[in-house]
Amino acid sequence: SASLLFIILTKTGVLKIEHMVYYTYRCGGIHATHPFDSVIKIWHYSVCSLWFILYSLIILWIGNAYRWLKGKITQRIAIQKCD
């Protein structure tokens, strides 16, 4: 929500950073960057994190379904052996 507020305030003109250039030091050199670049990176990492969480939950649900199905099958086999 902070990055969304940043974009809204910038686009409405409350924050006047359109002509400002920030410099970052990376990979052995100084590069010009814009404040929106950091917002895009923040959103990229949060979307990736959400994907990994969803992927982990899917793996967990598949494992639970497999254990449940395996338990039902072994229970049915045990009941048939008793008959």
N, C-alpha and C. Protein backbone atom coordinates (compact mmCIF):
# COMPACT_ATOMS: atom_id res chain seq x y z
N SER A 1 0.82 -1.20 0.00
CA SER A 1 0.00 0.00 0.00
C SER A 1 0.87 1.26 0.00
N ALA A 2 2.06 1.15 0.58
CA ALA A 2 2.94 2.32 0.59
C ALA A 2 3.42 2.64 -0.83
N SER A 3 3.73 1.63 -1.61
CA SER A 3 4.17 1.89 -2.97
C SER A 3 3.02 2.41 -3.83
N LEU A 4 1.81 1.93 -3.59
CA LEU A 4 0.65 2.44 -4.31
C LEU A 4 0.41 3.91 -3.96
N LEU A 5 0.53 4.26 -2.68
CA LEU A 5 0.40 5.65 -2.25
C LEU A 5 1.49 6.51 -2.88
N PHE A 6 2.70 5.99 -2.97
CA PHE A 6 3.81 6.71 -3.60
C PHE A 6 3.48 7.04 -5.07
N ILE A 7 2.95 6.07 -5.78
CA ILE A 7 2.61 6.29 -7.19
C ILE A 7 1.47 7.30 -7.32
N ILE A 8 0.46 7.18 -6.47
CA ILE A 8 -0.68 8.12 -6.53
C ILE A 8 -0.22 9.54 -6.23
N LEU A 9 0.59 9.71 -5.20
CA LEU A 9 1.06 11.05 -4.85
C LEU A 9 1.98 11.63 -5.92
N THR A 10 2.74 10.78 -6.57
CA THR A 10 3.62 11.24 -7.64
C THR A 10 2.82 11.65 -8.86
N LYS A 11 1.86 10.83 -9.23
CA LYS A 11 1.07 11.12 -10.43
C LYS A 11 0.15 12.33 -10.23
N THR A 12 -0.31 12.58 -9.02
CA THR A 12 -1.16 13.75 -8.77
C THR A 12 -0.36 15.03 -8.63
N GLY A 13 0.95 14.93 -8.48
CA GLY A 13 1.79 16.11 -8.40
C GLY A 13 2.13 16.54 -6.99
N VAL A 14 1.68 15.80 -5.99
CA VAL A 14 2.01 16.15 -4.60
C VAL A 14 3.51 15.94 -4.37
N LEU A 15 4.03 14.84 -4.86
CA LEU A 15 5.48 14.60 -4.82
C LEU A 15 6.03 14.96 -6.19
N LYS A 16 6.91 15.91 -6.25
CA LYS A 16 7.46 16.36 -7.53
C LYS A 16 8.85 15.75 -7.72
N ILE A 17 8.86 14.55 -8.25
CA ILE A 17 10.13 13.86 -8.48
C ILE A 17 10.32 13.49 -9.94
N GLU A 18 9.48 14.01 -10.82
CA GLU A 18 9.55 13.61 -12.22
C GLU A 18 10.89 13.95 -12.87
N HIS A 19 11.51 15.03 -12.47
CA HIS A 19 12.75 15.44 -13.11
C HIS A 19 13.97 15.15 -12.25
N MET A 20 13.76 14.44 -11.16
CA MET A 20 14.89 14.10 -10.28
C MET A 20 15.52 12.80 -10.75
N VAL A 21 16.81 12.73 -10.69
CA VAL A 21 17.54 11.52 -11.06
C VAL A 21 18.35 11.09 -9.85
N TYR A 22 18.22 9.84 -9.52
CA TYR A 22 18.99 9.27 -8.41
C TYR A 22 20.06 8.37 -9.00
N TYR A 23 21.16 8.29 -8.30
CA TYR A 23 22.26 7.47 -8.76
C TYR A 23 22.48 6.33 -7.79
N THR A 24 22.69 5.14 -8.36
CA THR A 24 22.98 3.96 -7.54
C THR A 24 24.34 3.42 -7.94
N TYR A 25 24.97 2.81 -7.00
CA TYR A 25 26.26 2.19 -7.25
C TYR A 25 26.06 0.69 -7.26
N ARG A 26 26.20 0.08 -8.44
CA ARG A 26 26.08 -1.37 -8.54
C ARG A 26 26.96 -1.86 -9.68
N CYS A 27 27.43 -3.03 -9.54
CA CYS A 27 28.26 -3.69 -10.56
C CYS A 27 29.47 -2.84 -10.95
N GLY A 28 30.05 -2.16 -10.00
CA GLY A 28 31.27 -1.42 -10.25
C GLY A 28 31.09 -0.09 -10.95
N GLY A 29 29.88 0.43 -11.06
CA GLY A 29 29.67 1.70 -11.72
C GLY A 29 28.50 2.46 -11.13
N ILE A 30 28.38 3.70 -11.52
CA ILE A 30 27.28 4.54 -11.05
C ILE A 30 26.26 4.63 -12.18
N HIS A 31 25.02 4.29 -11.86
CA HIS A 31 23.96 4.27 -12.87
C HIS A 31 22.81 5.17 -12.43
N ALA A 32 22.21 5.85 -13.40
CA ALA A 32 21.05 6.68 -13.11
C ALA A 32 19.83 5.79 -12.93
N THR A 33 19.00 6.12 -11.98
CA THR A 33 17.79 5.35 -11.73
C THR A 33 16.65 6.30 -11.40
N HIS A 34 15.45 5.81 -11.49
CA HIS A 34 14.26 6.58 -11.20
C HIS A 34 13.58 5.95 -9.99
N PRO A 35 12.91 6.71 -9.15
CA PRO A 35 12.26 6.12 -7.97
C PRO A 35 11.23 5.04 -8.31
N PHE A 36 10.62 5.12 -9.50
CA PHE A 36 9.66 4.08 -9.87
C PHE A 36 10.34 2.73 -10.08
N ASP A 37 11.62 2.72 -10.38
CA ASP A 37 12.34 1.46 -10.55
C ASP A 37 12.30 0.63 -9.27
N SER A 38 12.48 1.29 -8.14
CA SER A 38 12.46 0.55 -6.88
C SER A 38 11.06 0.03 -6.58
N VAL A 39 10.03 0.78 -6.94
CA VAL A 39 8.66 0.32 -6.72
C VAL A 39 8.39 -0.91 -7.57
N ILE A 40 8.85 -0.90 -8.80
CA ILE A 40 8.65 -2.05 -9.69
C ILE A 40 9.36 -3.28 -9.13
N LYS A 41 10.56 -3.10 -8.61
CA LYS A 41 11.28 -4.23 -8.03
C LYS A 41 10.56 -4.76 -6.79
N ILE A 42 10.04 -3.87 -5.96
CA ILE A 42 9.31 -4.31 -4.77
C ILE A 42 8.10 -5.14 -5.19
N TRP A 43 7.36 -4.68 -6.17
CA TRP A 43 6.19 -5.44 -6.62
C TRP A 43 6.58 -6.76 -7.25
N HIS A 44 7.69 -6.77 -7.98
CA HIS A 44 8.15 -8.01 -8.61
C HIS A 44 8.46 -9.06 -7.55
N TYR A 45 9.18 -8.67 -6.51
CA TYR A 45 9.55 -9.64 -5.48
C TYR A 45 8.34 -10.11 -4.68
N SER A 46 7.37 -9.24 -4.45
CA SER A 46 6.18 -9.68 -3.71
C SER A 46 5.33 -10.62 -4.54
N VAL A 47 5.24 -10.40 -5.84
CA VAL A 47 4.49 -11.32 -6.71
C VAL A 47 5.19 -12.67 -6.76
N CYS A 48 6.51 -12.66 -6.85
CA CYS A 48 7.25 -13.93 -6.84
C CYS A 48 7.06 -14.66 -5.52
N SER A 49 7.06 -13.94 -4.42
CA SER A 49 6.86 -14.56 -3.11
C SER A 49 5.47 -15.18 -3.02
N LEU A 50 4.47 -14.48 -3.52
CA LEU A 50 3.11 -15.03 -3.50
C LEU A 50 3.03 -16.30 -4.35
N TRP A 51 3.72 -16.31 -5.48
CA TRP A 51 3.73 -17.50 -6.32
C TRP A 51 4.36 -18.68 -5.58
N PHE A 52 5.48 -18.44 -4.89
CA PHE A 52 6.13 -19.53 -4.17
C PHE A 52 5.27 -20.05 -3.02
N ILE A 53 4.55 -19.16 -2.36
CA ILE A 53 3.64 -19.58 -1.29
C ILE A 53 2.52 -20.44 -1.88
N LEU A 54 1.93 -20.01 -2.97
CA LEU A 54 0.87 -20.78 -3.61
C LEU A 54 1.38 -22.13 -4.09
N TYR A 55 2.56 -22.15 -4.66
CA TYR A 55 3.17 -23.40 -5.12
C TYR A 55 3.38 -24.36 -3.96
N SER A 56 3.86 -23.87 -2.83
CA SER A 56 4.07 -24.70 -1.65
C SER A 56 2.76 -25.26 -1.12
N LEU A 57 1.71 -24.43 -1.12
CA LEU A 57 0.41 -24.90 -0.66
C LEU A 57 -0.15 -25.99 -1.58
N ILE A 58 0.05 -25.85 -2.88
CA ILE A 58 -0.41 -26.87 -3.82
C ILE A 58 0.31 -28.19 -3.56
N ILE A 59 1.61 -28.14 -3.36
CA ILE A 59 2.39 -29.34 -3.06
C ILE A 59 1.88 -29.97 -1.75
N LEU A 60 1.61 -29.16 -0.74
CA LEU A 60 1.10 -29.66 0.54
C LEU A 60 -0.25 -30.33 0.36
N TRP A 61 -1.15 -29.71 -0.40
CA TRP A 61 -2.49 -30.28 -0.61
C TRP A 61 -2.41 -31.59 -1.39
N ILE A 62 -1.53 -31.67 -2.36
CA ILE A 62 -1.37 -32.92 -3.12
C ILE A 62 -0.85 -34.01 -2.19
N GLY A 63 0.10 -33.68 -1.32
CA GLY A 63 0.62 -34.65 -0.36
C GLY A 63 -0.46 -35.12 0.61
N ASN A 64 -1.28 -34.19 1.10
CA ASN A 64 -2.37 -34.57 2.01
C ASN A 64 -3.39 -35.46 1.31
N ALA A 65 -3.72 -35.14 0.07
CA ALA A 65 -4.67 -35.96 -0.70
C ALA A 65 -4.10 -37.35 -0.94
N TYR A 66 -2.82 -37.44 -1.22
CA TYR A 66 -2.18 -38.74 -1.43
C TYR A 66 -2.22 -39.58 -0.16
N ARG A 67 -1.89 -38.97 0.99
CA ARG A 67 -1.93 -39.71 2.26
C ARG A 67 -3.35 -40.16 2.61
N TRP A 68 -4.33 -39.29 2.35
CA TRP A 68 -5.72 -39.63 2.63
C TRP A 68 -6.17 -40.80 1.76
N LEU A 69 -5.85 -40.73 0.47
CA LEU A 69 -6.23 -41.79 -0.46
C LEU A 69 -5.54 -43.10 -0.11
N LYS A 70 -4.28 -43.03 0.24
CA LYS A 70 -3.52 -44.23 0.62
C LYS A 70 -4.13 -44.86 1.87
N GLY A 71 -4.53 -44.03 2.84
CA GLY A 71 -5.17 -44.55 4.05
C GLY A 71 -6.50 -45.22 3.75
N LYS A 72 -7.29 -44.64 2.86
CA LYS A 72 -8.58 -45.24 2.48
C LYS A 72 -8.39 -46.57 1.78
N ILE A 73 -7.39 -46.66 0.90
CA ILE A 73 -7.14 -47.90 0.17
C ILE A 73 -6.67 -48.99 1.13
N THR A 74 -5.74 -48.67 2.02
CA THR A 74 -5.25 -49.70 2.96
C THR A 74 -6.36 -50.10 3.93
N GLN A 75 -7.23 -49.18 4.29
CA GLN A 75 -8.35 -49.51 5.17
C GLN A 75 -9.32 -50.44 4.45
N ARG A 76 -9.58 -50.21 3.19
CA ARG A 76 -10.48 -51.07 2.42
C ARG A 76 -9.87 -52.45 2.24
N ILE A 77 -8.56 -52.52 2.01
CA ILE A 77 -7.89 -53.81 1.86
C ILE A 77 -7.94 -54.59 3.17
N ALA A 78 -7.76 -53.88 4.30
CA ALA A 78 -7.80 -54.55 5.60
C ALA A 78 -9.21 -55.09 5.89
N ILE A 79 -10.24 -54.37 5.51
CA ILE A 79 -11.62 -54.83 5.71
C ILE A 79 -11.90 -56.04 4.83
N GLN A 80 -11.39 -56.06 3.60
CA GLN A 80 -11.63 -57.20 2.71
C GLN A 80 -10.91 -58.45 3.20
N LYS A 81 -9.75 -58.30 3.82
CA LYS A 81 -9.00 -59.46 4.33
C LYS A 81 -9.74 -60.07 5.52
N CYS A 82 -10.42 -59.25 6.31
CA CYS A 82 -11.15 -59.75 7.46
C CYS A 82 -12.39 -60.54 7.03
N ASP A 83 -12.95 -60.22 5.88
CA ASP A 83 -14.17 -60.92 5.42
C ASP A 83 -13.79 -62.22 4.84
